[in-house]
Amino acid sequence: MARTKEFDPDAALQSALELFWRRGYEATSMADLVAHLGIGKASLYATFGSKHELYLRALDRYGQLRNPRLTRELSGPGPALPAVRELVRRFAAEATAEATRERGCLVTNTAVELAPHDRDAARRVEREWDTLETLLHSALVRARAQGELPADRDPLPLARTLLVLLQGLRVVGKASADPARARDAAEQVLALLA
């Protein structure tokens, strides 16, 4: 007779995501995961595979949780440019806010920690960046079509500039407690949209 799982795999995955997000991949050991999730090592391996596989699944989940909000924010009806500005300003504020600064963004953290030498992680980072770039690009195309963005502004390079800014804000925010640095950079880039 097959044994039933003594834990909720979905809740365990969410808990692993939170631990990886707070500590990073390398600083999180299997022993840390076993203790944090409250499940046995054998159950952890049987359900999720290796630590690396669990991390990749947690990264996938992060995107699944984050992307619908970004889609709502950037794809809603009405003027598009205010939504883009609000998103950039929110990222700048979160990058330096005490409550969120230390964790940063799991995608950005993965880009810095793993992507240079981990093909699977790099693919997931690229996928998440492609999603954000596409959302920004679509919003800027709408903004230009609605007359909010000057006709001579090319939405694709602007979207890419914003993507790089948003990721950079997350990196700088983790290392700098000076909110003016992120805020000023965000406002300078937003001036390109005027």
N, C-alpha and C. Protein backbone atom coordinates (compact mmCIF):
# COMPACT_ATOMS: atom_id res chain seq x y z
N MET A 1 0.84 -1.16 0.00
CA MET A 1 0.00 0.00 0.00
C MET A 1 0.90 1.25 0.00
N ALA A 2 0.54 2.20 -0.87
CA ALA A 2 1.33 3.44 -0.96
C ALA A 2 1.05 4.32 0.25
N ARG A 3 2.11 4.92 0.77
CA ARG A 3 1.96 5.85 1.90
C ARG A 3 1.45 7.18 1.41
N THR A 4 0.63 7.80 2.18
CA THR A 4 0.17 9.15 1.83
C THR A 4 1.19 10.15 2.36
N LYS A 5 1.29 11.26 1.65
CA LYS A 5 2.22 12.30 2.09
C LYS A 5 1.73 12.88 3.40
N GLU A 6 2.67 13.12 4.30
CA GLU A 6 2.34 13.67 5.61
C GLU A 6 2.47 15.18 5.63
N PHE A 7 2.62 15.78 4.48
CA PHE A 7 2.76 17.23 4.39
C PHE A 7 2.13 17.70 3.10
N ASP A 8 1.87 18.97 3.02
CA ASP A 8 1.29 19.58 1.83
C ASP A 8 2.43 20.05 0.93
N PRO A 9 2.65 19.41 -0.21
CA PRO A 9 3.76 19.79 -1.08
C PRO A 9 3.69 21.25 -1.54
N ASP A 10 2.49 21.76 -1.75
CA ASP A 10 2.33 23.14 -2.18
C ASP A 10 2.79 24.11 -1.08
N ALA A 11 2.39 23.83 0.14
CA ALA A 11 2.82 24.66 1.27
C ALA A 11 4.33 24.53 1.50
N ALA A 12 4.87 23.33 1.31
CA ALA A 12 6.31 23.12 1.46
C ALA A 12 7.08 23.89 0.40
N LEU A 13 6.56 23.90 -0.84
CA LEU A 13 7.22 24.65 -1.90
C LEU A 13 7.22 26.14 -1.59
N GLN A 14 6.10 26.64 -1.09
CA GLN A 14 6.03 28.07 -0.73
C GLN A 14 7.01 28.39 0.40
N SER A 15 7.10 27.51 1.35
CA SER A 15 8.02 27.71 2.46
C SER A 15 9.48 27.68 1.99
N ALA A 16 9.78 26.77 1.06
CA ALA A 16 11.13 26.70 0.49
C ALA A 16 11.44 27.98 -0.29
N LEU A 17 10.46 28.47 -1.05
CA LEU A 17 10.64 29.71 -1.79
C LEU A 17 11.03 30.83 -0.84
N GLU A 18 10.32 30.95 0.26
CA GLU A 18 10.60 32.01 1.23
C GLU A 18 11.99 31.89 1.84
N LEU A 19 12.42 30.66 2.12
CA LEU A 19 13.75 30.46 2.68
C LEU A 19 14.84 30.80 1.66
N PHE A 20 14.69 30.29 0.43
CA PHE A 20 15.65 30.61 -0.62
C PHE A 20 15.69 32.12 -0.88
N TRP A 21 14.54 32.75 -0.88
CA TRP A 21 14.46 34.17 -1.16
C TRP A 21 15.19 34.99 -0.08
N ARG A 22 15.05 34.54 1.15
CA ARG A 22 15.68 35.26 2.26
C ARG A 22 17.18 34.99 2.35
N ARG A 23 17.59 33.74 2.08
CA ARG A 23 18.99 33.37 2.32
C ARG A 23 19.83 33.19 1.06
N GLY A 24 19.19 32.91 -0.08
CA GLY A 24 19.93 32.61 -1.30
C GLY A 24 20.11 31.11 -1.46
N TYR A 25 20.54 30.71 -2.63
CA TYR A 25 20.70 29.29 -2.93
C TYR A 25 21.87 28.67 -2.16
N GLU A 26 23.04 29.25 -2.31
CA GLU A 26 24.24 28.67 -1.71
C GLU A 26 24.19 28.66 -0.19
N ALA A 27 23.59 29.68 0.41
CA ALA A 27 23.56 29.78 1.87
C ALA A 27 22.47 28.91 2.50
N THR A 28 21.68 28.25 1.67
CA THR A 28 20.62 27.37 2.17
C THR A 28 21.03 25.92 1.95
N SER A 29 21.23 25.20 3.03
CA SER A 29 21.62 23.79 2.92
C SER A 29 20.38 22.90 2.94
N MET A 30 20.58 21.65 2.59
CA MET A 30 19.47 20.69 2.70
C MET A 30 19.02 20.58 4.15
N ALA A 31 19.96 20.64 5.08
CA ALA A 31 19.59 20.58 6.50
C ALA A 31 18.71 21.78 6.86
N ASP A 32 19.02 22.95 6.31
CA ASP A 32 18.19 24.14 6.55
C ASP A 32 16.78 23.92 6.01
N LEU A 33 16.70 23.35 4.82
CA LEU A 33 15.39 23.10 4.20
C LEU A 33 14.59 22.10 5.01
N VAL A 34 15.23 21.01 5.43
CA VAL A 34 14.55 20.00 6.24
C VAL A 34 14.01 20.63 7.52
N ALA A 35 14.82 21.42 8.19
CA ALA A 35 14.40 22.06 9.44
C ALA A 35 13.30 23.08 9.19
N HIS A 36 13.45 23.89 8.16
CA HIS A 36 12.48 24.96 7.88
C HIS A 36 11.14 24.40 7.42
N LEU A 37 11.19 23.36 6.59
CA LEU A 37 9.95 22.79 6.05
C LEU A 37 9.30 21.82 7.03
N GLY A 38 10.10 21.30 7.96
CA GLY A 38 9.55 20.37 8.93
C GLY A 38 9.21 19.01 8.34
N ILE A 39 9.92 18.63 7.29
CA ILE A 39 9.70 17.32 6.68
C ILE A 39 11.03 16.59 6.58
N GLY A 40 10.97 15.29 6.49
CA GLY A 40 12.18 14.48 6.44
C GLY A 40 12.91 14.64 5.12
N LYS A 41 14.20 14.40 5.18
CA LYS A 41 15.05 14.52 4.00
C LYS A 41 14.58 13.58 2.89
N ALA A 42 14.22 12.36 3.25
CA ALA A 42 13.77 11.39 2.24
C ALA A 42 12.49 11.88 1.56
N SER A 43 11.58 12.44 2.34
CA SER A 43 10.34 12.98 1.77
C SER A 43 10.63 14.18 0.87
N LEU A 44 11.56 14.98 1.29
CA LEU A 44 11.93 16.15 0.51
C LEU A 44 12.50 15.72 -0.85
N TYR A 45 13.43 14.77 -0.82
CA TYR A 45 14.01 14.27 -2.07
C TYR A 45 12.96 13.58 -2.94
N ALA A 46 12.10 12.77 -2.31
CA ALA A 46 11.08 12.04 -3.07
C ALA A 46 10.09 12.97 -3.74
N THR A 47 9.78 14.08 -3.11
CA THR A 47 8.79 15.01 -3.64
C THR A 47 9.38 16.01 -4.61
N PHE A 48 10.55 16.54 -4.28
CA PHE A 48 11.10 17.64 -5.06
C PHE A 48 12.40 17.33 -5.79
N GLY A 49 13.01 16.21 -5.50
CA GLY A 49 14.30 15.92 -6.10
C GLY A 49 15.40 16.60 -5.33
N SER A 50 16.38 17.08 -6.03
CA SER A 50 17.54 17.71 -5.39
C SER A 50 17.22 19.11 -4.90
N LYS A 51 18.14 19.68 -4.16
CA LYS A 51 18.02 21.07 -3.71
C LYS A 51 17.91 21.98 -4.93
N HIS A 52 18.68 21.70 -5.96
CA HIS A 52 18.65 22.51 -7.18
C HIS A 52 17.28 22.45 -7.84
N GLU A 53 16.72 21.26 -7.93
CA GLU A 53 15.38 21.12 -8.53
C GLU A 53 14.34 21.86 -7.69
N LEU A 54 14.45 21.79 -6.39
CA LEU A 54 13.53 22.50 -5.51
C LEU A 54 13.67 24.00 -5.71
N TYR A 55 14.91 24.48 -5.84
CA TYR A 55 15.13 25.91 -6.06
C TYR A 55 14.48 26.36 -7.37
N LEU A 56 14.68 25.58 -8.43
CA LEU A 56 14.10 25.95 -9.72
C LEU A 56 12.57 25.96 -9.65
N ARG A 57 12.01 25.03 -8.95
CA ARG A 57 10.54 25.02 -8.78
C ARG A 57 10.08 26.23 -7.96
N ALA A 58 10.86 26.59 -6.96
CA ALA A 58 10.52 27.77 -6.17
C ALA A 58 10.62 29.03 -7.03
N LEU A 59 11.62 29.10 -7.88
CA LEU A 59 11.77 30.24 -8.78
C LEU A 59 10.60 30.31 -9.77
N ASP A 60 10.18 29.16 -10.27
CA ASP A 60 9.00 29.12 -11.15
C ASP A 60 7.77 29.64 -10.42
N ARG A 61 7.61 29.21 -9.19
CA ARG A 61 6.45 29.65 -8.40
C ARG A 61 6.50 31.15 -8.17
N TYR A 62 7.67 31.68 -7.91
CA TYR A 62 7.82 33.11 -7.70
C TYR A 62 7.27 33.88 -8.90
N GLY A 63 7.64 33.43 -10.10
CA GLY A 63 7.12 34.07 -11.31
C GLY A 63 5.61 33.92 -11.43
N GLN A 64 5.09 32.75 -11.08
CA GLN A 64 3.65 32.53 -11.15
C GLN A 64 2.89 33.43 -10.18
N LEU A 65 3.50 33.75 -9.06
CA LEU A 65 2.85 34.63 -8.08
C LEU A 65 3.01 36.10 -8.45
N ARG A 66 4.14 36.46 -9.01
CA ARG A 66 4.46 37.85 -9.30
C ARG A 66 3.86 38.34 -10.62
N ASN A 67 3.88 37.51 -11.64
CA ASN A 67 3.51 37.97 -12.97
C ASN A 67 2.05 38.39 -13.12
N PRO A 68 1.09 37.74 -12.48
CA PRO A 68 -0.29 38.24 -12.61
C PRO A 68 -0.46 39.67 -12.09
N ARG A 69 0.22 40.00 -11.01
CA ARG A 69 0.14 41.38 -10.49
C ARG A 69 0.72 42.36 -11.50
N LEU A 70 1.88 42.03 -12.05
CA LEU A 70 2.50 42.90 -13.05
C LEU A 70 1.60 43.06 -14.27
N THR A 71 0.98 41.96 -14.68
CA THR A 71 0.07 42.01 -15.83
C THR A 71 -1.11 42.92 -15.53
N ARG A 72 -1.70 42.79 -14.36
CA ARG A 72 -2.83 43.67 -13.98
C ARG A 72 -2.40 45.13 -13.97
N GLU A 73 -1.24 45.39 -13.39
CA GLU A 73 -0.77 46.76 -13.26
C GLU A 73 -0.49 47.41 -14.62
N LEU A 74 0.08 46.65 -15.54
CA LEU A 74 0.52 47.23 -16.80
C LEU A 74 -0.46 47.03 -17.96
N SER A 75 -1.47 46.22 -17.77
CA SER A 75 -2.38 45.91 -18.88
C SER A 75 -3.80 46.38 -18.65
N GLY A 76 -4.03 47.12 -17.59
CA GLY A 76 -5.38 47.57 -17.29
C GLY A 76 -5.87 48.59 -18.30
N PRO A 77 -7.17 48.83 -18.30
CA PRO A 77 -7.74 49.82 -19.21
C PRO A 77 -7.33 51.23 -18.79
N GLY A 78 -7.46 52.15 -19.74
CA GLY A 78 -7.16 53.54 -19.44
C GLY A 78 -5.74 53.90 -19.79
N PRO A 79 -5.29 55.04 -19.28
CA PRO A 79 -3.93 55.51 -19.59
C PRO A 79 -2.88 54.48 -19.15
N ALA A 80 -1.88 54.28 -20.00
CA ALA A 80 -0.85 53.28 -19.72
C ALA A 80 0.37 53.88 -19.03
N LEU A 81 0.73 55.09 -19.39
CA LEU A 81 1.96 55.68 -18.86
C LEU A 81 1.94 55.87 -17.34
N PRO A 82 0.83 56.28 -16.73
CA PRO A 82 0.83 56.35 -15.27
C PRO A 82 1.11 55.00 -14.60
N ALA A 83 0.62 53.92 -15.21
CA ALA A 83 0.87 52.59 -14.64
C ALA A 83 2.36 52.25 -14.71
N VAL A 84 3.01 52.61 -15.81
CA VAL A 84 4.45 52.36 -15.95
C VAL A 84 5.21 53.17 -14.91
N ARG A 85 4.86 54.43 -14.79
CA ARG A 85 5.54 55.29 -13.80
C ARG A 85 5.35 54.75 -12.38
N GLU A 86 4.13 54.35 -12.07
CA GLU A 86 3.83 53.82 -10.73
C GLU A 86 4.65 52.56 -10.45
N LEU A 87 4.77 51.69 -11.46
CA LEU A 87 5.55 50.46 -11.29
C LEU A 87 7.01 50.79 -11.00
N VAL A 88 7.59 51.70 -11.76
CA VAL A 88 8.99 52.06 -11.56
C VAL A 88 9.18 52.66 -10.17
N ARG A 89 8.30 53.54 -9.78
CA ARG A 89 8.42 54.16 -8.45
C ARG A 89 8.22 53.14 -7.34
N ARG A 90 7.33 52.17 -7.54
CA ARG A 90 7.13 51.12 -6.53
C ARG A 90 8.39 50.28 -6.39
N PHE A 91 9.01 49.91 -7.52
CA PHE A 91 10.25 49.14 -7.46
C PHE A 91 11.33 49.92 -6.71
N ALA A 92 11.43 51.22 -6.98
CA ALA A 92 12.44 52.04 -6.30
C ALA A 92 12.17 52.09 -4.81
N ALA A 93 10.91 52.24 -4.43
CA ALA A 93 10.55 52.29 -3.01
C ALA A 93 10.81 50.95 -2.33
N GLU A 94 10.43 49.85 -2.98
CA GLU A 94 10.64 48.52 -2.40
C GLU A 94 12.12 48.18 -2.29
N ALA A 95 12.90 48.67 -3.24
CA ALA A 95 14.34 48.35 -3.25
C ALA A 95 15.04 48.90 -2.02
N THR A 96 14.52 49.97 -1.45
CA THR A 96 15.18 50.59 -0.30
C THR A 96 14.36 50.53 0.98
N ALA A 97 13.17 49.97 0.92
CA ALA A 97 12.34 49.86 2.12
C ALA A 97 12.92 48.81 3.06
N GLU A 98 12.94 49.11 4.32
CA GLU A 98 13.53 48.20 5.32
C GLU A 98 12.90 46.81 5.25
N ALA A 99 11.60 46.74 5.06
CA ALA A 99 10.90 45.45 5.07
C ALA A 99 11.22 44.57 3.87
N THR A 100 11.58 45.15 2.74
CA THR A 100 11.79 44.37 1.52
C THR A 100 13.22 44.43 0.98
N ARG A 101 14.00 45.35 1.46
CA ARG A 101 15.35 45.60 0.92
C ARG A 101 16.27 44.39 1.02
N GLU A 102 16.27 43.75 2.15
CA GLU A 102 17.21 42.65 2.36
C GLU A 102 16.94 41.46 1.44
N ARG A 103 15.66 41.15 1.23
CA ARG A 103 15.32 40.02 0.35
C ARG A 103 15.54 40.35 -1.11
N GLY A 104 15.21 41.56 -1.50
CA GLY A 104 15.32 41.93 -2.90
C GLY A 104 14.30 41.19 -3.74
N CYS A 105 14.68 40.85 -4.93
CA CYS A 105 13.83 40.13 -5.89
C CYS A 105 14.48 38.77 -6.15
N LEU A 106 13.73 37.71 -6.07
CA LEU A 106 14.31 36.38 -6.26
C LEU A 106 14.89 36.21 -7.66
N VAL A 107 14.26 36.80 -8.67
CA VAL A 107 14.79 36.70 -10.03
C VAL A 107 16.14 37.42 -10.12
N THR A 108 16.20 38.63 -9.58
CA THR A 108 17.45 39.39 -9.60
C THR A 108 18.52 38.67 -8.78
N ASN A 109 18.14 38.16 -7.62
CA ASN A 109 19.09 37.42 -6.79
C ASN A 109 19.65 36.22 -7.55
N THR A 110 18.77 35.52 -8.27
CA THR A 110 19.19 34.35 -9.05
C THR A 110 20.11 34.77 -10.19
N ALA A 111 19.80 35.89 -10.82
CA ALA A 111 20.65 36.39 -11.91
C ALA A 111 22.06 36.64 -11.43
N VAL A 112 22.17 37.20 -10.24
CA VAL A 112 23.49 37.54 -9.69
C VAL A 112 24.20 36.29 -9.15
N GLU A 113 23.46 35.45 -8.43
CA GLU A 113 24.10 34.32 -7.75
C GLU A 113 24.32 33.11 -8.65
N LEU A 114 23.34 32.74 -9.46
CA LEU A 114 23.41 31.46 -10.17
C LEU A 114 23.52 31.55 -11.69
N ALA A 115 22.88 32.52 -12.30
CA ALA A 115 22.79 32.55 -13.76
C ALA A 115 24.13 32.50 -14.48
N PRO A 116 25.19 33.12 -13.94
CA PRO A 116 26.46 33.06 -14.68
C PRO A 116 27.01 31.64 -14.89
N HIS A 117 26.63 30.69 -14.05
CA HIS A 117 27.18 29.34 -14.16
C HIS A 117 26.12 28.23 -14.12
N ASP A 118 24.85 28.60 -14.17
CA ASP A 118 23.77 27.61 -14.07
C ASP A 118 22.78 27.86 -15.21
N ARG A 119 22.84 27.03 -16.23
CA ARG A 119 22.03 27.21 -17.43
C ARG A 119 20.53 27.19 -17.13
N ASP A 120 20.09 26.29 -16.27
CA ASP A 120 18.66 26.20 -15.95
C ASP A 120 18.17 27.47 -15.24
N ALA A 121 18.97 27.95 -14.32
CA ALA A 121 18.61 29.19 -13.62
C ALA A 121 18.63 30.37 -14.59
N ALA A 122 19.63 30.42 -15.46
CA ALA A 122 19.72 31.52 -16.43
C ALA A 122 18.52 31.53 -17.36
N ARG A 123 18.06 30.36 -17.78
CA ARG A 123 16.87 30.30 -18.65
C ARG A 123 15.64 30.85 -17.94
N ARG A 124 15.50 30.53 -16.67
CA ARG A 124 14.35 31.03 -15.92
C ARG A 124 14.44 32.55 -15.71
N VAL A 125 15.62 33.04 -15.45
CA VAL A 125 15.80 34.48 -15.31
C VAL A 125 15.43 35.17 -16.62
N GLU A 126 15.93 34.66 -17.73
CA GLU A 126 15.61 35.23 -19.04
C GLU A 126 14.11 35.21 -19.30
N ARG A 127 13.47 34.10 -18.94
CA ARG A 127 12.01 34.00 -19.14
C ARG A 127 11.29 35.07 -18.35
N GLU A 128 11.69 35.27 -17.11
CA GLU A 128 11.04 36.29 -16.28
C GLU A 128 11.32 37.69 -16.82
N TRP A 129 12.54 37.94 -17.26
CA TRP A 129 12.87 39.24 -17.83
C TRP A 129 12.10 39.46 -19.14
N ASP A 130 11.98 38.42 -19.95
CA ASP A 130 11.20 38.52 -21.19
C ASP A 130 9.75 38.89 -20.89
N THR A 131 9.19 38.28 -19.86
CA THR A 131 7.81 38.58 -19.48
C THR A 131 7.67 40.03 -19.07
N LEU A 132 8.55 40.51 -18.20
CA LEU A 132 8.47 41.89 -17.76
C LEU A 132 8.71 42.86 -18.91
N GLU A 133 9.69 42.57 -19.75
CA GLU A 133 9.97 43.43 -20.90
C GLU A 133 8.77 43.49 -21.84
N THR A 134 8.12 42.36 -22.07
CA THR A 134 6.94 42.32 -22.94
C THR A 134 5.81 43.14 -22.35
N LEU A 135 5.59 43.03 -21.06
CA LEU A 135 4.54 43.82 -20.41
C LEU A 135 4.84 45.32 -20.50
N LEU A 136 6.08 45.68 -20.24
CA LEU A 136 6.47 47.09 -20.36
C LEU A 136 6.33 47.58 -21.80
N HIS A 137 6.81 46.79 -22.73
CA HIS A 137 6.73 47.15 -24.15
C HIS A 137 5.28 47.36 -24.57
N SER A 138 4.41 46.43 -24.21
CA SER A 138 2.99 46.54 -24.57
C SER A 138 2.38 47.81 -23.98
N ALA A 139 2.71 48.09 -22.73
CA ALA A 139 2.17 49.30 -22.09
C ALA A 139 2.68 50.55 -22.79
N LEU A 140 3.94 50.56 -23.17
CA LEU A 140 4.49 51.73 -23.85
C LEU A 140 3.95 51.88 -25.27
N VAL A 141 3.69 50.78 -25.95
CA VAL A 141 3.04 50.84 -27.27
C VAL A 141 1.65 51.46 -27.13
N ARG A 142 0.90 51.01 -26.12
CA ARG A 142 -0.43 51.59 -25.86
C ARG A 142 -0.31 53.07 -25.52
N ALA A 143 0.68 53.42 -24.69
CA ALA A 143 0.86 54.81 -24.31
C ALA A 143 1.14 55.68 -25.54
N ARG A 144 1.97 55.18 -26.44
CA ARG A 144 2.26 55.96 -27.65
C ARG A 144 1.02 56.06 -28.53
N ALA A 145 0.27 54.97 -28.67
CA ALA A 145 -0.95 54.98 -29.49
C ALA A 145 -2.01 55.92 -28.91
N GLN A 146 -2.02 56.07 -27.59
CA GLN A 146 -3.00 56.92 -26.91
C GLN A 146 -2.51 58.37 -26.78
N GLY A 147 -1.33 58.64 -27.32
CA GLY A 147 -0.80 60.01 -27.28
C GLY A 147 -0.15 60.40 -25.96
N GLU A 148 0.07 59.44 -25.08
CA GLU A 148 0.72 59.72 -23.79
C GLU A 148 2.24 59.79 -23.92
N LEU A 149 2.76 59.08 -24.89
CA LEU A 149 4.20 59.00 -25.12
C LEU A 149 4.46 59.64 -26.48
N PRO A 150 5.45 60.52 -26.57
CA PRO A 150 5.73 61.16 -27.86
C PRO A 150 5.93 60.12 -28.97
N ALA A 151 5.47 60.46 -30.16
CA ALA A 151 5.51 59.54 -31.30
C ALA A 151 6.93 59.16 -31.70
N ASP A 152 7.93 59.99 -31.34
CA ASP A 152 9.31 59.68 -31.73
C ASP A 152 10.02 58.75 -30.73
N ARG A 153 9.33 58.32 -29.70
CA ARG A 153 9.92 57.41 -28.71
C ARG A 153 9.65 55.96 -29.12
N ASP A 154 10.69 55.17 -29.16
CA ASP A 154 10.58 53.76 -29.55
C ASP A 154 10.30 52.93 -28.30
N PRO A 155 9.14 52.30 -28.22
CA PRO A 155 8.76 51.56 -27.01
C PRO A 155 9.69 50.40 -26.63
N LEU A 156 10.26 49.71 -27.61
CA LEU A 156 11.09 48.54 -27.26
C LEU A 156 12.38 48.94 -26.53
N PRO A 157 13.19 49.87 -27.06
CA PRO A 157 14.37 50.27 -26.27
C PRO A 157 14.00 50.88 -24.92
N LEU A 158 12.88 51.61 -24.86
CA LEU A 158 12.44 52.16 -23.58
C LEU A 158 12.09 51.04 -22.60
N ALA A 159 11.39 50.03 -23.09
CA ALA A 159 11.04 48.89 -22.23
C ALA A 159 12.29 48.20 -21.72
N ARG A 160 13.28 48.04 -22.58
CA ARG A 160 14.53 47.40 -22.16
C ARG A 160 15.29 48.25 -21.15
N THR A 161 15.25 49.55 -21.35
CA THR A 161 15.89 50.46 -20.40
C THR A 161 15.22 50.34 -19.03
N LEU A 162 13.89 50.30 -19.03
CA LEU A 162 13.16 50.17 -17.77
C LEU A 162 13.45 48.83 -17.11
N LEU A 163 13.52 47.76 -17.90
CA LEU A 163 13.84 46.44 -17.34
C LEU A 163 15.20 46.48 -16.64
N VAL A 164 16.19 47.04 -17.30
CA VAL A 164 17.53 47.11 -16.71
C VAL A 164 17.51 47.99 -15.46
N LEU A 165 16.79 49.09 -15.52
CA LEU A 165 16.67 49.95 -14.33
C LEU A 165 16.04 49.18 -13.17
N LEU A 166 14.92 48.49 -13.43
CA LEU A 166 14.22 47.78 -12.36
C LEU A 166 15.11 46.72 -11.72
N GLN A 167 15.86 45.99 -12.53
CA GLN A 167 16.75 44.98 -11.98
C GLN A 167 17.91 45.63 -11.23
N GLY A 168 18.43 46.71 -11.77
CA GLY A 168 19.49 47.43 -11.10
C GLY A 168 19.05 48.02 -9.77
N LEU A 169 17.81 48.51 -9.72
CA LEU A 169 17.28 49.03 -8.47
C LEU A 169 17.31 47.96 -7.38
N ARG A 170 16.96 46.73 -7.76
CA ARG A 170 16.95 45.64 -6.79
C ARG A 170 18.35 45.33 -6.28
N VAL A 171 19.33 45.36 -7.16
CA VAL A 171 20.71 45.08 -6.74
C VAL A 171 21.23 46.19 -5.85
N VAL A 172 21.07 47.43 -6.29
CA VAL A 172 21.56 48.57 -5.51
C VAL A 172 20.83 48.64 -4.17
N GLY A 173 19.55 48.38 -4.17
CA GLY A 173 18.77 48.43 -2.94
C GLY A 173 19.26 47.48 -1.87
N LYS A 174 19.75 46.31 -2.30
CA LYS A 174 20.25 45.34 -1.31
C LYS A 174 21.53 45.82 -0.63
N ALA A 175 22.30 46.64 -1.34
CA ALA A 175 23.60 47.04 -0.81
C ALA A 175 23.64 48.47 -0.28
N SER A 176 22.62 49.27 -0.60
CA SER A 176 22.64 50.68 -0.21
C SER A 176 21.39 51.02 0.58
N ALA A 177 21.59 51.65 1.70
CA ALA A 177 20.45 52.07 2.52
C ALA A 177 19.97 53.47 2.16
N ASP A 178 20.58 54.08 1.15
CA ASP A 178 20.24 55.44 0.75
C ASP A 178 19.09 55.42 -0.25
N PRO A 179 17.87 55.72 0.18
CA PRO A 179 16.72 55.66 -0.75
C PRO A 179 16.81 56.68 -1.87
N ALA A 180 17.54 57.76 -1.66
CA ALA A 180 17.65 58.79 -2.70
C ALA A 180 18.35 58.24 -3.95
N ARG A 181 19.28 57.32 -3.77
CA ARG A 181 20.00 56.75 -4.91
C ARG A 181 19.02 56.06 -5.87
N ALA A 182 18.17 55.22 -5.35
CA ALA A 182 17.19 54.51 -6.19
C ALA A 182 16.13 55.47 -6.71
N ARG A 183 15.63 56.31 -5.86
CA ARG A 183 14.57 57.26 -6.25
C ARG A 183 15.06 58.19 -7.35
N ASP A 184 16.25 58.75 -7.20
CA ASP A 184 16.79 59.67 -8.20
C ASP A 184 17.02 58.97 -9.54
N ALA A 185 17.55 57.77 -9.50
CA ALA A 185 17.78 57.02 -10.74
C ALA A 185 16.46 56.74 -11.44
N ALA A 186 15.46 56.33 -10.67
CA ALA A 186 14.14 56.05 -11.26
C ALA A 186 13.56 57.29 -11.92
N GLU A 187 13.64 58.41 -11.24
CA GLU A 187 13.07 59.66 -11.80
C GLU A 187 13.82 60.09 -13.06
N GLN A 188 15.13 59.92 -13.09
CA GLN A 188 15.89 60.28 -14.29
C GLN A 188 15.46 59.43 -15.49
N VAL A 189 15.28 58.14 -15.26
CA VAL A 189 14.86 57.27 -16.36
C VAL A 189 13.42 57.58 -16.76
N LEU A 190 12.57 57.86 -15.80
CA LEU A 190 11.18 58.22 -16.12
C LEU A 190 11.10 59.48 -16.95
N ALA A 191 12.09 60.36 -16.83
CA ALA A 191 12.11 61.58 -17.64
C ALA A 191 12.19 61.24 -19.14
N LEU A 192 12.71 60.06 -19.48
CA LEU A 192 12.77 59.64 -20.88
C LEU A 192 11.38 59.42 -21.47
N LEU A 193 10.40 59.24 -20.61
CA LEU A 193 9.04 58.97 -21.06
C LEU A 193 8.23 60.24 -21.30
N ALA A 194 8.79 61.39 -20.94
CA ALA A 194 8.05 62.66 -21.06
C ALA A 194 8.04 63.17 -22.50
